[in-house]
Amino acid sequence: MVKWDEILIHGNPEGLKSLAKLLLEIAELNQEEVDDNSLPSGAREHYQLRPGIELSSSSDPLIVGRIDAKGTGAFYQRYIPR
């Protein structure tokens, strides 16, 4: 049995543009301006994309988010830069 270690992101033009819009929204968000009740210090903005709702029914769940924490800018400890 072959194990695939790839993530495939496929979509029609509308779907790919929608994902691009979401990525830009997260990238451009000033986390420091988000209310602490919605995003506490040390947390990271993220969106959960669910099969059959935001994604096709044949997709796996996906979380897209920022790696830098609000208030500290810290990355996850397990993050390994290139």
PDB file of N, CA and C in Angstrom:
ATOM      1  N   MET A   1       0.833  -1.171   0.000  1.00  0.00           N
ATOM      2  CA  MET A   1       0.000   0.000   0.000  1.00  0.00           C
ATOM      3  C   MET A   1       0.888   1.248   0.000  1.00  0.00           C
ATOM      4  N   VAL A   2       0.581   2.186  -0.850  1.00  0.00           N
ATOM      5  CA  VAL A   2       1.329   3.429  -0.948  1.00  0.00           C
ATOM      6  C   VAL A   2       0.625   4.495  -0.122  1.00  0.00           C
ATOM      7  N   LYS A   3       1.391   5.182   0.711  1.00  0.00           N
ATOM      8  CA  LYS A   3       0.825   6.277   1.502  1.00  0.00           C
ATOM      9  C   LYS A   3       1.177   7.594   0.819  1.00  0.00           C
ATOM     10  N   TRP A   4       0.173   8.404   0.576  1.00  0.00           N
ATOM     11  CA  TRP A   4       0.379   9.699  -0.051  1.00  0.00           C
ATOM     12  C   TRP A   4       0.577  10.754   1.021  1.00  0.00           C
ATOM     13  N   ASP A   5       1.614  11.543   0.886  1.00  0.00           N
ATOM     14  CA  ASP A   5       1.879  12.637   1.807  1.00  0.00           C
ATOM     15  C   ASP A   5       1.715  13.966   1.080  1.00  0.00           C
ATOM     16  N   GLU A   6       0.629  14.078   0.365  1.00  0.00           N
ATOM     17  CA  GLU A   6       0.357  15.295  -0.389  1.00  0.00           C
ATOM     18  C   GLU A   6      -0.995  15.852   0.022  1.00  0.00           C
ATOM     19  N   ILE A   7      -1.102  17.139  -0.111  1.00  0.00           N
ATOM     20  CA  ILE A   7      -2.393  17.801   0.049  1.00  0.00           C
ATOM     21  C   ILE A   7      -2.748  18.362  -1.316  1.00  0.00           C
ATOM     22  N   LEU A   8      -3.883  17.950  -1.837  1.00  0.00           N
ATOM     23  CA  LEU A   8      -4.324  18.416  -3.151  1.00  0.00           C
ATOM     24  C   LEU A   8      -5.395  19.477  -2.965  1.00  0.00           C
ATOM     25  N   ILE A   9      -5.189  20.613  -3.586  1.00  0.00           N
ATOM     26  CA  ILE A   9      -6.184  21.678  -3.557  1.00  0.00           C
ATOM     27  C   ILE A   9      -6.634  21.887  -4.995  1.00  0.00           C
ATOM     28  N   HIS A  10      -7.828  21.431  -5.281  1.00  0.00           N
ATOM     29  CA  HIS A  10      -8.402  21.549  -6.618  1.00  0.00           C
ATOM     30  C   HIS A  10      -9.717  22.291  -6.519  1.00  0.00           C
ATOM     31  N   GLY A  11     -10.058  22.982  -7.568  1.00  0.00           N
ATOM     32  CA  GLY A  11     -11.348  23.648  -7.601  1.00  0.00           C
ATOM     33  C   GLY A  11     -11.596  24.266  -8.953  1.00  0.00           C
ATOM     34  N   ASN A  12     -12.846  24.614  -9.177  1.00  0.00           N
ATOM     35  CA  ASN A  12     -13.153  25.365 -10.390  1.00  0.00           C
ATOM     36  C   ASN A  12     -12.733  26.816 -10.146  1.00  0.00           C
ATOM     37  N   PRO A  13     -12.755  27.665 -11.174  1.00  0.00           N
ATOM     38  CA  PRO A  13     -12.309  29.041 -10.984  1.00  0.00           C
ATOM     39  C   PRO A  13     -13.008  29.750  -9.816  1.00  0.00           C
ATOM     40  N   GLU A  14     -14.306  29.554  -9.683  1.00  0.00           N
ATOM     41  CA  GLU A  14     -15.047  30.200  -8.598  1.00  0.00           C
ATOM     42  C   GLU A  14     -14.556  29.722  -7.225  1.00  0.00           C
ATOM     43  N   GLY A  15     -14.354  28.426  -7.081  1.00  0.00           N
ATOM     44  CA  GLY A  15     -13.895  27.868  -5.812  1.00  0.00           C
ATOM     45  C   GLY A  15     -12.484  28.303  -5.452  1.00  0.00           C
ATOM     46  N   LEU A  16     -11.591  28.327  -6.441  1.00  0.00           N
ATOM     47  CA  LEU A  16     -10.220  28.759  -6.185  1.00  0.00           C
ATOM     48  C   LEU A  16     -10.167  30.239  -5.818  1.00  0.00           C
ATOM     49  N   LYS A  17     -10.992  31.048  -6.468  1.00  0.00           N
ATOM     50  CA  LYS A  17     -11.054  32.474  -6.116  1.00  0.00           C
ATOM     51  C   LYS A  17     -11.609  32.663  -4.711  1.00  0.00           C
ATOM     52  N   SER A  18     -12.567  31.840  -4.328  1.00  0.00           N
ATOM     53  CA  SER A  18     -13.132  31.909  -2.986  1.00  0.00           C
ATOM     54  C   SER A  18     -12.064  31.574  -1.940  1.00  0.00           C
ATOM     55  N   LEU A  19     -11.264  30.540  -2.193  1.00  0.00           N
ATOM     56  CA  LEU A  19     -10.181  30.185  -1.283  1.00  0.00           C
ATOM     57  C   LEU A  19      -9.146  31.304  -1.224  1.00  0.00           C
ATOM     58  N   ALA A  20      -8.805  31.870  -2.371  1.00  0.00           N
ATOM     59  CA  ALA A  20      -7.845  32.975  -2.409  1.00  0.00           C
ATOM     60  C   ALA A  20      -8.352  34.159  -1.588  1.00  0.00           C
ATOM     61  N   LYS A  21      -9.627  34.456  -1.698  1.00  0.00           N
ATOM     62  CA  LYS A  21     -10.228  35.556  -0.931  1.00  0.00           C
ATOM     63  C   LYS A  21     -10.120  35.280   0.566  1.00  0.00           C
ATOM     64  N   LEU A  22     -10.393  34.044   0.968  1.00  0.00           N
ATOM     65  CA  LEU A  22     -10.295  33.661   2.374  1.00  0.00           C
ATOM     66  C   LEU A  22      -8.858  33.795   2.875  1.00  0.00           C
ATOM     67  N   LEU A  23      -7.893  33.344   2.085  1.00  0.00           N
ATOM     68  CA  LEU A  23      -6.488  33.438   2.473  1.00  0.00           C
ATOM     69  C   LEU A  23      -6.051  34.894   2.617  1.00  0.00           C
ATOM     70  N   LEU A  24      -6.483  35.743   1.691  1.00  0.00           N
ATOM     71  CA  LEU A  24      -6.149  37.165   1.787  1.00  0.00           C
ATOM     72  C   LEU A  24      -6.794  37.805   3.014  1.00  0.00           C
ATOM     73  N   GLU A  25      -8.022  37.414   3.309  1.00  0.00           N
ATOM     74  CA  GLU A  25      -8.722  37.948   4.481  1.00  0.00           C
ATOM     75  C   GLU A  25      -7.951  37.618   5.758  1.00  0.00           C
ATOM     76  N   ILE A  26      -7.496  36.388   5.879  1.00  0.00           N
ATOM     77  CA  ILE A  26      -6.730  35.985   7.062  1.00  0.00           C
ATOM     78  C   ILE A  26      -5.381  36.699   7.093  1.00  0.00           C
ATOM     79  N   ALA A  27      -4.717  36.779   5.949  1.00  0.00           N
ATOM     80  CA  ALA A  27      -3.397  37.403   5.878  1.00  0.00           C
ATOM     81  C   ALA A  27      -3.445  38.887   6.222  1.00  0.00           C
ATOM     82  N   GLU A  28      -4.491  39.568   5.804  1.00  0.00           N
ATOM     83  CA  GLU A  28      -4.587  41.012   6.000  1.00  0.00           C
ATOM     84  C   GLU A  28      -5.222  41.402   7.334  1.00  0.00           C
ATOM     85  N   LEU A  29      -5.752  40.435   8.064  1.00  0.00           N
ATOM     86  CA  LEU A  29      -6.397  40.724   9.338  1.00  0.00           C
ATOM     87  C   LEU A  29      -5.377  41.222  10.359  1.00  0.00           C
ATOM     88  N   ASN A  30      -5.689  42.329  11.020  1.00  0.00           N
ATOM     89  CA  ASN A  30      -4.874  42.800  12.129  1.00  0.00           C
ATOM     90  C   ASN A  30      -5.423  42.139  13.389  1.00  0.00           C
ATOM     91  N   GLN A  31      -4.790  41.066  13.817  1.00  0.00           N
ATOM     92  CA  GLN A  31      -5.275  40.302  14.960  1.00  0.00           C
ATOM     93  C   GLN A  31      -5.335  41.144  16.230  1.00  0.00           C
ATOM     94  N   GLU A  32      -4.476  42.160  16.320  1.00  0.00           N
ATOM     95  CA  GLU A  32      -4.449  43.014  17.514  1.00  0.00           C
ATOM     96  C   GLU A  32      -5.738  43.815  17.661  1.00  0.00           C
ATOM     97  N   GLU A  33      -6.446  44.040  16.569  1.00  0.00           N
ATOM     98  CA  GLU A  33      -7.688  44.816  16.609  1.00  0.00           C
ATOM     99  C   GLU A  33      -8.923  43.959  16.877  1.00  0.00           C
ATOM    100  N   VAL A  34      -8.769  42.643  16.895  1.00  0.00           N
ATOM    101  CA  VAL A  34      -9.894  41.748  17.147  1.00  0.00           C
ATOM    102  C   VAL A  34     -10.161  41.716  18.649  1.00  0.00           C
ATOM    103  N   ASP A  35     -11.426  41.851  19.031  1.00  0.00           N
ATOM    104  CA  ASP A  35     -11.832  41.846  20.434  1.00  0.00           C
ATOM    105  C   ASP A  35     -11.290  40.615  21.158  1.00  0.00           C
ATOM    106  N   ASP A  36     -10.806  40.821  22.381  1.00  0.00           N
ATOM    107  CA  ASP A  36     -10.234  39.716  23.154  1.00  0.00           C
ATOM    108  C   ASP A  36     -11.236  38.608  23.455  1.00  0.00           C
ATOM    109  N   ASN A  37     -12.521  38.916  23.451  1.00  0.00           N
ATOM    110  CA  ASN A  37     -13.528  37.877  23.658  1.00  0.00           C
ATOM    111  C   ASN A  37     -13.616  36.951  22.447  1.00  0.00           C
ATOM    112  N   SER A  38     -13.331  37.494  21.273  1.00  0.00           N
ATOM    113  CA  SER A  38     -13.370  36.698  20.043  1.00  0.00           C
ATOM    114  C   SER A  38     -12.038  36.016  19.749  1.00  0.00           C
ATOM    115  N   LEU A  39     -10.942  36.712  20.074  1.00  0.00           N
ATOM    116  CA  LEU A  39      -9.599  36.182  19.816  1.00  0.00           C
ATOM    117  C   LEU A  39      -8.690  36.623  20.962  1.00  0.00           C
ATOM    118  N   PRO A  40      -8.546  35.783  21.982  1.00  0.00           N
ATOM    119  CA  PRO A  40      -7.712  36.155  23.131  1.00  0.00           C
ATOM    120  C   PRO A  40      -6.238  36.271  22.750  1.00  0.00           C
ATOM    121  N   SER A  41      -5.480  36.993  23.550  1.00  0.00           N
ATOM    122  CA  SER A  41      -4.043  37.095  23.344  1.00  0.00           C
ATOM    123  C   SER A  41      -3.442  35.696  23.366  1.00  0.00           C
ATOM    124  N   GLY A  42      -2.561  35.410  22.425  1.00  0.00           N
ATOM    125  CA  GLY A  42      -1.939  34.089  22.306  1.00  0.00           C
ATOM    126  C   GLY A  42      -2.659  33.159  21.340  1.00  0.00           C
ATOM    127  N   ALA A  43      -3.879  33.541  20.946  1.00  0.00           N
ATOM    128  CA  ALA A  43      -4.641  32.725  19.987  1.00  0.00           C
ATOM    129  C   ALA A  43      -4.296  33.154  18.561  1.00  0.00           C
ATOM    130  N   ARG A  44      -4.739  32.352  17.601  1.00  0.00           N
ATOM    131  CA  ARG A  44      -4.484  32.627  16.185  1.00  0.00           C
ATOM    132  C   ARG A  44      -5.796  32.547  15.420  1.00  0.00           C
ATOM    133  N   GLU A  45      -6.038  33.531  14.559  1.00  0.00           N
ATOM    134  CA  GLU A  45      -7.253  33.515  13.739  1.00  0.00           C
ATOM    135  C   GLU A  45      -7.201  32.319  12.802  1.00  0.00           C
ATOM    136  N   HIS A  46      -8.334  31.658  12.652  1.00  0.00           N
ATOM    137  CA  HIS A  46      -8.401  30.500  11.762  1.00  0.00           C
ATOM    138  C   HIS A  46      -9.846  30.271  11.326  1.00  0.00           C
ATOM    139  N   TYR A  47      -9.984  29.538  10.245  1.00  0.00           N
ATOM    140  CA  TYR A  47     -11.297  29.142   9.744  1.00  0.00           C
ATOM    141  C   TYR A  47     -11.305  27.636   9.546  1.00  0.00           C
ATOM    142  N   GLN A  48     -12.387  27.011   9.949  1.00  0.00           N
ATOM    143  CA  GLN A  48     -12.567  25.582   9.727  1.00  0.00           C
ATOM    144  C   GLN A  48     -13.460  25.402   8.510  1.00  0.00           C
ATOM    145  N   LEU A  49     -12.972  24.661   7.529  1.00  0.00           N
ATOM    146  CA  LEU A  49     -13.734  24.376   6.320  1.00  0.00           C
ATOM    147  C   LEU A  49     -14.182  22.923   6.396  1.00  0.00           C
ATOM    148  N   ARG A  50     -15.481  22.708   6.295  1.00  0.00           N
ATOM    149  CA  ARG A  50     -16.059  21.385   6.541  1.00  0.00           C
ATOM    150  C   ARG A  50     -16.610  20.748   5.265  1.00  0.00           C
ATOM    151  N   PRO A  51     -16.399  19.430   5.132  1.00  0.00           N
ATOM    152  CA  PRO A  51     -16.956  18.714   3.981  1.00  0.00           C
ATOM    153  C   PRO A  51     -18.476  18.852   3.948  1.00  0.00           C
ATOM    154  N   GLY A  52     -18.999  19.068   2.754  1.00  0.00           N
ATOM    155  CA  GLY A  52     -20.442  19.169   2.580  1.00  0.00           C
ATOM    156  C   GLY A  52     -21.015  20.521   2.954  1.00  0.00           C
ATOM    157  N   ILE A  53     -20.191  21.407   3.510  1.00  0.00           N
ATOM    158  CA  ILE A  53     -20.665  22.749   3.860  1.00  0.00           C
ATOM    159  C   ILE A  53     -19.834  23.761   3.067  1.00  0.00           C
ATOM    160  N   GLU A  54     -18.621  24.050   3.547  1.00  0.00           N
ATOM    161  CA  GLU A  54     -17.751  24.960   2.792  1.00  0.00           C
ATOM    162  C   GLU A  54     -16.981  24.228   1.697  1.00  0.00           C
ATOM    163  N   LEU A  55     -16.813  22.917   1.865  1.00  0.00           N
ATOM    164  CA  LEU A  55     -16.060  22.099   0.911  1.00  0.00           C
ATOM    165  C   LEU A  55     -16.974  21.066   0.269  1.00  0.00           C
ATOM    166  N   SER A  56     -16.476  20.411  -0.758  1.00  0.00           N
ATOM    167  CA  SER A  56     -17.254  19.330  -1.375  1.00  0.00           C
ATOM    168  C   SER A  56     -17.402  18.179  -0.382  1.00  0.00           C
ATOM    169  N   SER A  57     -18.385  17.357  -0.606  1.00  0.00           N
ATOM    170  CA  SER A  57     -18.641  16.224   0.289  1.00  0.00           C
ATOM    171  C   SER A  57     -17.510  15.204   0.280  1.00  0.00           C
ATOM    172  N   SER A  58     -16.714  15.175  -0.781  1.00  0.00           N
ATOM    173  CA  SER A  58     -15.611  14.217  -0.871  1.00  0.00           C
ATOM    174  C   SER A  58     -14.309  14.754  -0.267  1.00  0.00           C
ATOM    175  N   SER A  59     -14.340  15.977   0.250  1.00  0.00           N
ATOM    176  CA  SER A  59     -13.138  16.586   0.826  1.00  0.00           C
ATOM    177  C   SER A  59     -12.934  16.165   2.272  1.00  0.00           C
ATOM    178  N   ASP A  60     -11.738  16.381   2.764  1.00  0.00           N
ATOM    179  CA  ASP A  60     -11.424  16.202   4.180  1.00  0.00           C
ATOM    180  C   ASP A  60     -11.555  17.555   4.877  1.00  0.00           C
ATOM    181  N   PRO A  61     -11.818  17.558   6.182  1.00  0.00           N
ATOM    182  CA  PRO A  61     -11.883  18.829   6.910  1.00  0.00           C
ATOM    183  C   PRO A  61     -10.552  19.572   6.781  1.00  0.00           C
ATOM    184  N   LEU A  62     -10.623  20.888   6.784  1.00  0.00           N
ATOM    185  CA  LEU A  62      -9.435  21.714   6.596  1.00  0.00           C
ATOM    186  C   LEU A  62      -9.507  22.909   7.529  1.00  0.00           C
ATOM    187  N   ILE A  63      -8.395  23.219   8.169  1.00  0.00           N
ATOM    188  CA  ILE A  63      -8.288  24.432   8.970  1.00  0.00           C
ATOM    189  C   ILE A  63      -7.248  25.314   8.302  1.00  0.00           C
ATOM    190  N   VAL A  64      -7.628  26.552   8.018  1.00  0.00           N
ATOM    191  CA  VAL A  64      -6.739  27.535   7.419  1.00  0.00           C
ATOM    192  C   VAL A  64      -6.580  28.649   8.439  1.00  0.00           C
ATOM    193  N   GLY A  65      -5.347  28.995   8.774  1.00  0.00           N
ATOM    194  CA  GLY A  65      -5.189  30.025   9.788  1.00  0.00           C
ATOM    195  C   GLY A  65      -3.820  30.654   9.819  1.00  0.00           C
ATOM    196  N   ARG A  66      -3.715  31.613  10.703  1.00  0.00           N
ATOM    197  CA  ARG A  66      -2.469  32.333  10.920  1.00  0.00           C
ATOM    198  C   ARG A  66      -1.553  31.511  11.808  1.00  0.00           C
ATOM    199  N   ILE A  67      -0.263  31.643  11.598  1.00  0.00           N
ATOM    200  CA  ILE A  67       0.701  30.938  12.437  1.00  0.00           C
ATOM    201  C   ILE A  67       1.203  31.839  13.560  1.00  0.00           C
ATOM    202  N   ASP A  68       1.062  33.152  13.390  1.00  0.00           N
ATOM    203  CA  ASP A  68       1.524  34.095  14.405  1.00  0.00           C
ATOM    204  C   ASP A  68       0.417  34.377  15.421  1.00  0.00           C
ATOM    205  N   ALA A  69       0.765  34.293  16.693  1.00  0.00           N
ATOM    206  CA  ALA A  69      -0.210  34.468  17.766  1.00  0.00           C
ATOM    207  C   ALA A  69      -0.480  35.945  18.032  1.00  0.00           C
ATOM    208  N   LYS A  70      -1.726  36.238  18.346  1.00  0.00           N
ATOM    209  CA  LYS A  70      -2.115  37.598  18.724  1.00  0.00           C
ATOM    210  C   LYS A  70      -1.358  37.990  19.993  1.00  0.00           C
ATOM    211  N   GLY A  71      -0.839  39.205  20.004  1.00  0.00           N
ATOM    212  CA  GLY A  71      -0.182  39.730  21.195  1.00  0.00           C
ATOM    213  C   GLY A  71       1.289  39.416  21.296  1.00  0.00           C
ATOM    214  N   THR A  72       1.692  38.241  20.839  1.00  0.00           N
ATOM    215  CA  THR A  72       3.097  37.842  20.968  1.00  0.00           C
ATOM    216  C   THR A  72       3.784  37.658  19.621  1.00  0.00           C
ATOM    217  N   GLY A  73       3.018  37.321  18.604  1.00  0.00           N
ATOM    218  CA  GLY A  73       3.600  37.025  17.298  1.00  0.00           C
ATOM    219  C   GLY A  73       4.300  35.678  17.258  1.00  0.00           C
ATOM    220  N   ALA A  74       4.211  34.926  18.356  1.00  0.00           N
ATOM    221  CA  ALA A  74       4.904  33.639  18.446  1.00  0.00           C
ATOM    222  C   ALA A  74       4.306  32.623  17.476  1.00  0.00           C
ATOM    223  N   PHE A  75       5.179  31.786  16.940  1.00  0.00           N
ATOM    224  CA  PHE A  75       4.764  30.676  16.093  1.00  0.00           C
ATOM    225  C   PHE A  75       4.572  29.446  16.981  1.00  0.00           C
ATOM    226  N   TYR A  76       3.929  28.405  16.433  1.00  0.00           N
ATOM    227  CA  TYR A  76       3.819  27.133  17.142  1.00  0.00           C
ATOM    228  C   TYR A  76       5.214  26.593  17.418  1.00  0.00           C
ATOM    229  N   GLN A  77       5.394  25.921  18.555  1.00  0.00           N
ATOM    230  CA  GLN A  77       6.706  25.354  18.892  1.00  0.00           C
ATOM    231  C   GLN A  77       7.159  24.317  17.873  1.00  0.00           C
ATOM    232  N   ARG A  78       6.217  23.591  17.293  1.00  0.00           N
ATOM    233  CA  ARG A  78       6.587  22.535  16.347  1.00  0.00           C
ATOM    234  C   ARG A  78       6.907  23.072  14.947  1.00  0.00           C
ATOM    235  N   TYR A  79       6.747  24.382  14.737  1.00  0.00           N
ATOM    236  CA  TYR A  79       7.023  24.987  13.429  1.00  0.00           C
ATOM    237  C   TYR A  79       8.513  24.880  13.114  1.00  0.00           C
ATOM    238  N   ILE A  80       8.824  24.405  11.915  1.00  0.00           N
ATOM    239  CA  ILE A  80      10.204  24.300  11.451  1.00  0.00           C
ATOM    240  C   ILE A  80      10.330  25.150  10.191  1.00  0.00           C
ATOM    241  N   PRO A  81      11.097  26.254  10.251  1.00  0.00           N
ATOM    242  CA  PRO A  81      11.229  27.101   9.063  1.00  0.00           C
ATOM    243  C   PRO A  81      12.017  26.399   7.958  1.00  0.00           C
ATOM    244  N   ARG A  82      11.866  26.912   6.741  1.00  0.00           N
ATOM    245  CA  ARG A  82      12.593  26.328   5.610  1.00  0.00           C
ATOM    246  C   ARG A  82      14.071  26.505   5.780  1.00  0.00           C
TER     247      ARG A  82
END
